[in-house]
Amino acid sequence: MDDSSKQKAVPEKVVQLMVDDIFRKNGVKPEQVKKNISDEQKQMLKEMVDDLKTQVEQFSEKQKNTNQSSE
């Protein structure tokens, strides 16, 4: 796995972890959500996940740049 695909996998794992944690805290099973969600809600969730991915990537990049500049 090269560095770019490794970096992309990390934010996806963070997002998945956050979503799973939110579901668990609220007693929601992913199977239930998939059956009872409207198309509008699906789109909203996709947009939210994309936004979270972008934020995590920006944060990761900022941390990477901060670490490089301090070395």
PDB file of N, CA and C in Angstrom:
ATOM      1  N   MET A   1       0.858  -1.182   0.000  1.00  0.00           N
ATOM      2  CA  MET A   1       0.000   0.000   0.000  1.00  0.00           C
ATOM      3  C   MET A   1       0.898   1.237   0.000  1.00  0.00           C
ATOM      4  N   ASP A   2       0.693   2.129  -0.955  1.00  0.00           N
ATOM      5  CA  ASP A   2       1.507   3.340  -0.993  1.00  0.00           C
ATOM      6  C   ASP A   2       0.986   4.364   0.001  1.00  0.00           C
ATOM      7  N   ASP A   3       1.759   5.428   0.208  1.00  0.00           N
ATOM      8  CA  ASP A   3       1.415   6.419   1.229  1.00  0.00           C
ATOM      9  C   ASP A   3       0.070   7.093   0.982  1.00  0.00           C
ATOM     10  N   SER A   4      -0.235   7.432  -0.279  1.00  0.00           N
ATOM     11  CA  SER A   4      -1.482   8.152  -0.550  1.00  0.00           C
ATOM     12  C   SER A   4      -2.700   7.287  -0.265  1.00  0.00           C
ATOM     13  N   SER A   5      -2.671   6.021  -0.639  1.00  0.00           N
ATOM     14  CA  SER A   5      -3.825   5.166  -0.361  1.00  0.00           C
ATOM     15  C   SER A   5      -3.912   4.853   1.125  1.00  0.00           C
ATOM     16  N   LYS A   6      -2.775   4.789   1.798  1.00  0.00           N
ATOM     17  CA  LYS A   6      -2.762   4.557   3.244  1.00  0.00           C
ATOM     18  C   LYS A   6      -3.369   5.758   3.957  1.00  0.00           C
ATOM     19  N   GLN A   7      -3.009   6.976   3.523  1.00  0.00           N
ATOM     20  CA  GLN A   7      -3.549   8.185   4.143  1.00  0.00           C
ATOM     21  C   GLN A   7      -5.049   8.289   3.910  1.00  0.00           C
ATOM     22  N   LYS A   8      -5.513   7.878   2.737  1.00  0.00           N
ATOM     23  CA  LYS A   8      -6.939   7.945   2.447  1.00  0.00           C
ATOM     24  C   LYS A   8      -7.703   6.927   3.288  1.00  0.00           C
ATOM     25  N   ALA A   9      -7.109   5.753   3.515  1.00  0.00           N
ATOM     26  CA  ALA A   9      -7.779   4.721   4.301  1.00  0.00           C
ATOM     27  C   ALA A   9      -7.958   5.154   5.748  1.00  0.00           C
ATOM     28  N   VAL A  10      -7.017   5.883   6.276  1.00  0.00           N
ATOM     29  CA  VAL A  10      -7.103   6.321   7.672  1.00  0.00           C
ATOM     30  C   VAL A  10      -8.312   7.227   7.892  1.00  0.00           C
ATOM     31  N   PRO A  11      -8.518   8.282   7.091  1.00  0.00           N
ATOM     32  CA  PRO A  11      -9.719   9.110   7.311  1.00  0.00           C
ATOM     33  C   PRO A  11     -11.016   8.310   7.166  1.00  0.00           C
ATOM     34  N   GLU A  12     -11.056   7.368   6.236  1.00  0.00           N
ATOM     35  CA  GLU A  12     -12.261   6.564   6.069  1.00  0.00           C
ATOM     36  C   GLU A  12     -12.522   5.732   7.316  1.00  0.00           C
ATOM     37  N   LYS A  13     -11.461   5.225   7.912  1.00  0.00           N
ATOM     38  CA  LYS A  13     -11.610   4.451   9.149  1.00  0.00           C
ATOM     39  C   LYS A  13     -12.098   5.339  10.282  1.00  0.00           C
ATOM     40  N   VAL A  14     -11.612   6.565  10.336  1.00  0.00           N
ATOM     41  CA  VAL A  14     -12.046   7.500  11.375  1.00  0.00           C
ATOM     42  C   VAL A  14     -13.534   7.792  11.226  1.00  0.00           C
ATOM     43  N   VAL A  15     -13.959   8.041  10.016  1.00  0.00           N
ATOM     44  CA  VAL A  15     -15.375   8.330   9.761  1.00  0.00           C
ATOM     45  C   VAL A  15     -16.220   7.116  10.129  1.00  0.00           C
ATOM     46  N   GLN A  16     -15.792   5.933   9.714  1.00  0.00           N
ATOM     47  CA  GLN A  16     -16.549   4.718  10.025  1.00  0.00           C
ATOM     48  C   GLN A  16     -16.646   4.511  11.531  1.00  0.00           C
ATOM     49  N   LEU A  17     -15.551   4.754  12.222  1.00  0.00           N
ATOM     50  CA  LEU A  17     -15.537   4.616  13.680  1.00  0.00           C
ATOM     51  C   LEU A  17     -16.517   5.584  14.326  1.00  0.00           C
ATOM     52  N   MET A  18     -16.530   6.819  13.853  1.00  0.00           N
ATOM     53  CA  MET A  18     -17.435   7.827  14.405  1.00  0.00           C
ATOM     54  C   MET A  18     -18.898   7.441  14.177  1.00  0.00           C
ATOM     55  N   VAL A  19     -19.205   6.995  12.975  1.00  0.00           N
ATOM     56  CA  VAL A  19     -20.583   6.612  12.647  1.00  0.00           C
ATOM     57  C   VAL A  19     -21.007   5.413  13.493  1.00  0.00           C
ATOM     58  N   ASP A  20     -20.139   4.409  13.580  1.00  0.00           N
ATOM     59  CA  ASP A  20     -20.456   3.229  14.391  1.00  0.00           C
ATOM     60  C   ASP A  20     -20.675   3.603  15.849  1.00  0.00           C
ATOM     61  N   ASP A  21     -19.853   4.514  16.360  1.00  0.00           N
ATOM     62  CA  ASP A  21     -19.975   4.945  17.748  1.00  0.00           C
ATOM     63  C   ASP A  21     -21.300   5.673  17.980  1.00  0.00           C
ATOM     64  N   ILE A  22     -21.677   6.528  17.062  1.00  0.00           N
ATOM     65  CA  ILE A  22     -22.947   7.262  17.184  1.00  0.00           C
ATOM     66  C   ILE A  22     -24.124   6.281  17.151  1.00  0.00           C
ATOM     67  N   PHE A  23     -24.075   5.328  16.231  1.00  0.00           N
ATOM     68  CA  PHE A  23     -25.135   4.323  16.166  1.00  0.00           C
ATOM     69  C   PHE A  23     -25.220   3.540  17.475  1.00  0.00           C
ATOM     70  N   ARG A  24     -24.078   3.101  17.977  1.00  0.00           N
ATOM     71  CA  ARG A  24     -24.051   2.288  19.193  1.00  0.00           C
ATOM     72  C   ARG A  24     -24.603   3.075  20.377  1.00  0.00           C
ATOM     73  N   LYS A  25     -24.193   4.336  20.526  1.00  0.00           N
ATOM     74  CA  LYS A  25     -24.653   5.161  21.636  1.00  0.00           C
ATOM     75  C   LYS A  25     -26.161   5.382  21.609  1.00  0.00           C
ATOM     76  N   ASN A  26     -26.722   5.375  20.423  1.00  0.00           N
ATOM     77  CA  ASN A  26     -28.159   5.626  20.289  1.00  0.00           C
ATOM     78  C   ASN A  26     -28.973   4.354  20.091  1.00  0.00           C
ATOM     79  N   GLY A  27     -28.326   3.212  20.250  1.00  0.00           N
ATOM     80  CA  GLY A  27     -29.034   1.935  20.146  1.00  0.00           C
ATOM     81  C   GLY A  27     -29.572   1.648  18.765  1.00  0.00           C
ATOM     82  N   VAL A  28     -28.872   2.122  17.731  1.00  0.00           N
ATOM     83  CA  VAL A  28     -29.324   1.924  16.357  1.00  0.00           C
ATOM     84  C   VAL A  28     -28.483   0.831  15.707  1.00  0.00           C
ATOM     85  N   LYS A  29     -29.173  -0.096  15.049  1.00  0.00           N
ATOM     86  CA  LYS A  29     -28.484  -1.156  14.321  1.00  0.00           C
ATOM     87  C   LYS A  29     -28.418  -0.750  12.850  1.00  0.00           C
ATOM     88  N   PRO A  30     -27.242  -0.865  12.229  1.00  0.00           N
ATOM     89  CA  PRO A  30     -27.100  -0.454  10.816  1.00  0.00           C
ATOM     90  C   PRO A  30     -28.112  -1.117   9.885  1.00  0.00           C
ATOM     91  N   GLU A  31     -28.495  -2.351  10.173  1.00  0.00           N
ATOM     92  CA  GLU A  31     -29.471  -3.045   9.325  1.00  0.00           C
ATOM     93  C   GLU A  31     -30.825  -2.332   9.357  1.00  0.00           C
ATOM     94  N   GLN A  32     -31.192  -1.820  10.541  1.00  0.00           N
ATOM     95  CA  GLN A  32     -32.460  -1.100  10.683  1.00  0.00           C
ATOM     96  C   GLN A  32     -32.435   0.194   9.884  1.00  0.00           C
ATOM     97  N   VAL A  33     -31.317   0.869   9.921  1.00  0.00           N
ATOM     98  CA  VAL A  33     -31.190   2.150   9.221  1.00  0.00           C
ATOM     99  C   VAL A  33     -31.329   1.940   7.725  1.00  0.00           C
ATOM    100  N   LYS A  34     -30.680   0.926   7.217  1.00  0.00           N
ATOM    101  CA  LYS A  34     -30.713   0.673   5.771  1.00  0.00           C
ATOM    102  C   LYS A  34     -32.130   0.400   5.279  1.00  0.00           C
ATOM    103  N   LYS A  35     -32.953  -0.220   6.115  1.00  0.00           N
ATOM    104  CA  LYS A  35     -34.316  -0.556   5.705  1.00  0.00           C
ATOM    105  C   LYS A  35     -35.269   0.624   5.809  1.00  0.00           C
ATOM    106  N   ASN A  36     -35.015   1.544   6.738  1.00  0.00           N
ATOM    107  CA  ASN A  36     -35.988   2.589   7.048  1.00  0.00           C
ATOM    108  C   ASN A  36     -35.496   4.000   6.741  1.00  0.00           C
ATOM    109  N   ILE A  37     -34.724   4.181   5.698  1.00  0.00           N
ATOM    110  CA  ILE A  37     -34.182   5.498   5.404  1.00  0.00           C
ATOM    111  C   ILE A  37     -34.671   5.966   4.032  1.00  0.00           C
ATOM    112  N   SER A  38     -35.062   7.232   3.970  1.00  0.00           N
ATOM    113  CA  SER A  38     -35.554   7.787   2.706  1.00  0.00           C
ATOM    114  C   SER A  38     -34.380   8.173   1.809  1.00  0.00           C
ATOM    115  N   ASP A  39     -34.668   8.394   0.545  1.00  0.00           N
ATOM    116  CA  ASP A  39     -33.629   8.806  -0.399  1.00  0.00           C
ATOM    117  C   ASP A  39     -33.019  10.150   0.004  1.00  0.00           C
ATOM    118  N   GLU A  40     -33.856  11.040   0.510  1.00  0.00           N
ATOM    119  CA  GLU A  40     -33.365  12.349   0.956  1.00  0.00           C
ATOM    120  C   GLU A  40     -32.402  12.193   2.132  1.00  0.00           C
ATOM    121  N   GLN A  41     -32.746  11.319   3.059  1.00  0.00           N
ATOM    122  CA  GLN A  41     -31.866  11.077   4.204  1.00  0.00           C
ATOM    123  C   GLN A  41     -30.553  10.425   3.765  1.00  0.00           C
ATOM    124  N   LYS A  42     -30.636   9.514   2.812  1.00  0.00           N
ATOM    125  CA  LYS A  42     -29.425   8.880   2.282  1.00  0.00           C
ATOM    126  C   LYS A  42     -28.490   9.934   1.701  1.00  0.00           C
ATOM    127  N   GLN A  43     -29.068  10.858   0.932  1.00  0.00           N
ATOM    128  CA  GLN A  43     -28.261  11.910   0.317  1.00  0.00           C
ATOM    129  C   GLN A  43     -27.634  12.802   1.381  1.00  0.00           C
ATOM    130  N   MET A  44     -28.417  13.130   2.396  1.00  0.00           N
ATOM    131  CA  MET A  44     -27.893  13.970   3.475  1.00  0.00           C
ATOM    132  C   MET A  44     -26.749  13.265   4.204  1.00  0.00           C
ATOM    133  N   LEU A  45     -26.891  11.984   4.439  1.00  0.00           N
ATOM    134  CA  LEU A  45     -25.831  11.218   5.100  1.00  0.00           C
ATOM    135  C   LEU A  45     -24.569  11.166   4.241  1.00  0.00           C
ATOM    136  N   LYS A  46     -24.747  10.971   2.938  1.00  0.00           N
ATOM    137  CA  LYS A  46     -23.592  10.947   2.036  1.00  0.00           C
ATOM    138  C   LYS A  46     -22.854  12.283   2.082  1.00  0.00           C
ATOM    139  N   GLU A  47     -23.609  13.372   2.067  1.00  0.00           N
ATOM    140  CA  GLU A  47     -22.994  14.694   2.122  1.00  0.00           C
ATOM    141  C   GLU A  47     -22.270  14.906   3.450  1.00  0.00           C
ATOM    142  N   MET A  48     -22.876  14.451   4.529  1.00  0.00           N
ATOM    143  CA  MET A  48     -22.260  14.591   5.840  1.00  0.00           C
ATOM    144  C   MET A  48     -20.960  13.794   5.907  1.00  0.00           C
ATOM    145  N   VAL A  49     -20.968  12.578   5.383  1.00  0.00           N
ATOM    146  CA  VAL A  49     -19.764  11.747   5.377  1.00  0.00           C
ATOM    147  C   VAL A  49     -18.685  12.403   4.523  1.00  0.00           C
ATOM    148  N   ASP A  50     -19.063  12.933   3.379  1.00  0.00           N
ATOM    149  CA  ASP A  50     -18.085  13.625   2.531  1.00  0.00           C
ATOM    150  C   ASP A  50     -17.484  14.821   3.256  1.00  0.00           C
ATOM    151  N   ASP A  51     -18.326  15.580   3.957  1.00  0.00           N
ATOM    152  CA  ASP A  51     -17.830  16.725   4.724  1.00  0.00           C
ATOM    153  C   ASP A  51     -16.874  16.284   5.829  1.00  0.00           C
ATOM    154  N   LEU A  52     -17.232  15.215   6.523  1.00  0.00           N
ATOM    155  CA  LEU A  52     -16.354  14.694   7.575  1.00  0.00           C
ATOM    156  C   LEU A  52     -15.024  14.211   7.003  1.00  0.00           C
ATOM    157  N   LYS A  53     -15.079  13.538   5.875  1.00  0.00           N
ATOM    158  CA  LYS A  53     -13.845  13.076   5.225  1.00  0.00           C
ATOM    159  C   LYS A  53     -12.947  14.263   4.888  1.00  0.00           C
ATOM    160  N   THR A  54     -13.545  15.301   4.334  1.00  0.00           N
ATOM    161  CA  THR A  54     -12.786  16.492   3.977  1.00  0.00           C
ATOM    162  C   THR A  54     -12.147  17.115   5.213  1.00  0.00           C
ATOM    163  N   GLN A  55     -12.906  17.214   6.285  1.00  0.00           N
ATOM    164  CA  GLN A  55     -12.378  17.800   7.518  1.00  0.00           C
ATOM    165  C   GLN A  55     -11.241  16.961   8.091  1.00  0.00           C
ATOM    166  N   VAL A  56     -11.401  15.653   8.067  1.00  0.00           N
ATOM    167  CA  VAL A  56     -10.351  14.765   8.589  1.00  0.00           C
ATOM    168  C   VAL A  56      -9.101  14.863   7.725  1.00  0.00           C
ATOM    169  N   GLU A  57      -9.275  14.906   6.417  1.00  0.00           N
ATOM    170  CA  GLU A  57      -8.132  15.034   5.515  1.00  0.00           C
ATOM    171  C   GLU A  57      -7.410  16.359   5.741  1.00  0.00           C
ATOM    172  N   GLN A  58      -8.167  17.432   5.912  1.00  0.00           N
ATOM    173  CA  GLN A  58      -7.553  18.737   6.170  1.00  0.00           C
ATOM    174  C   GLN A  58      -6.802  18.724   7.490  1.00  0.00           C
ATOM    175  N   PHE A  59      -7.392  18.127   8.499  1.00  0.00           N
ATOM    176  CA  PHE A  59      -6.747  18.029   9.798  1.00  0.00           C
ATOM    177  C   PHE A  59      -5.464  17.207   9.690  1.00  0.00           C
ATOM    178  N   SER A  60      -5.536  16.075   9.007  1.00  0.00           N
ATOM    179  CA  SER A  60      -4.359  15.213   8.832  1.00  0.00           C
ATOM    180  C   SER A  60      -3.248  15.948   8.093  1.00  0.00           C
ATOM    181  N   GLU A  61      -3.625  16.663   7.063  1.00  0.00           N
ATOM    182  CA  GLU A  61      -2.634  17.418   6.287  1.00  0.00           C
ATOM    183  C   GLU A  61      -2.001  18.508   7.143  1.00  0.00           C
ATOM    184  N   LYS A  62      -2.813  19.190   7.934  1.00  0.00           N
ATOM    185  CA  LYS A  62      -2.307  20.239   8.811  1.00  0.00           C
ATOM    186  C   LYS A  62      -1.324  19.651   9.824  1.00  0.00           C
ATOM    187  N   GLN A  63      -1.680  18.503  10.389  1.00  0.00           N
ATOM    188  CA  GLN A  63      -0.793  17.849  11.347  1.00  0.00           C
ATOM    189  C   GLN A  63       0.512  17.417  10.680  1.00  0.00           C
ATOM    190  N   LYS A  64       0.400  16.909   9.479  1.00  0.00           N
ATOM    191  CA  LYS A  64       1.583  16.482   8.730  1.00  0.00           C
ATOM    192  C   LYS A  64       2.487  17.680   8.472  1.00  0.00           C
ATOM    193  N   ASN A  65       1.912  18.782   8.052  1.00  0.00           N
ATOM    194  CA  ASN A  65       2.697  19.991   7.774  1.00  0.00           C
ATOM    195  C   ASN A  65       3.320  20.553   9.065  1.00  0.00           C
ATOM    196  N   THR A  66       2.566  20.497  10.139  1.00  0.00           N
ATOM    197  CA  THR A  66       3.079  20.984  11.430  1.00  0.00           C
ATOM    198  C   THR A  66       4.255  20.134  11.885  1.00  0.00           C
ATOM    199  N   ASN A  67       4.137  18.830  11.732  1.00  0.00           N
ATOM    200  CA  ASN A  67       5.217  17.930  12.128  1.00  0.00           C
ATOM    201  C   ASN A  67       6.456  18.119  11.266  1.00  0.00           C
ATOM    202  N   GLN A  68       6.268  18.349   9.977  1.00  0.00           N
ATOM    203  CA  GLN A  68       7.395  18.550   9.075  1.00  0.00           C
ATOM    204  C   GLN A  68       8.109  19.866   9.372  1.00  0.00           C
ATOM    205  N   SER A  69       7.351  20.906   9.688  1.00  0.00           N
ATOM    206  CA  SER A  69       7.965  22.201   9.940  1.00  0.00           C
ATOM    207  C   SER A  69       8.686  22.247  11.275  1.00  0.00           C
ATOM    208  N   SER A  70       8.280  21.406  12.211  1.00  0.00           N
ATOM    209  CA  SER A  70       8.929  21.402  13.509  1.00  0.00           C
ATOM    210  C   SER A  70      10.191  20.537  13.542  1.00  0.00           C
ATOM    211  N   GLU A  71      10.406  19.775  12.489  1.00  0.00           N
ATOM    212  CA  GLU A  71      11.600  18.913  12.447  1.00  0.00           C
ATOM    213  C   GLU A  71      12.802  19.645  11.972  1.00  0.00           C
TER     214      GLU A  71
END
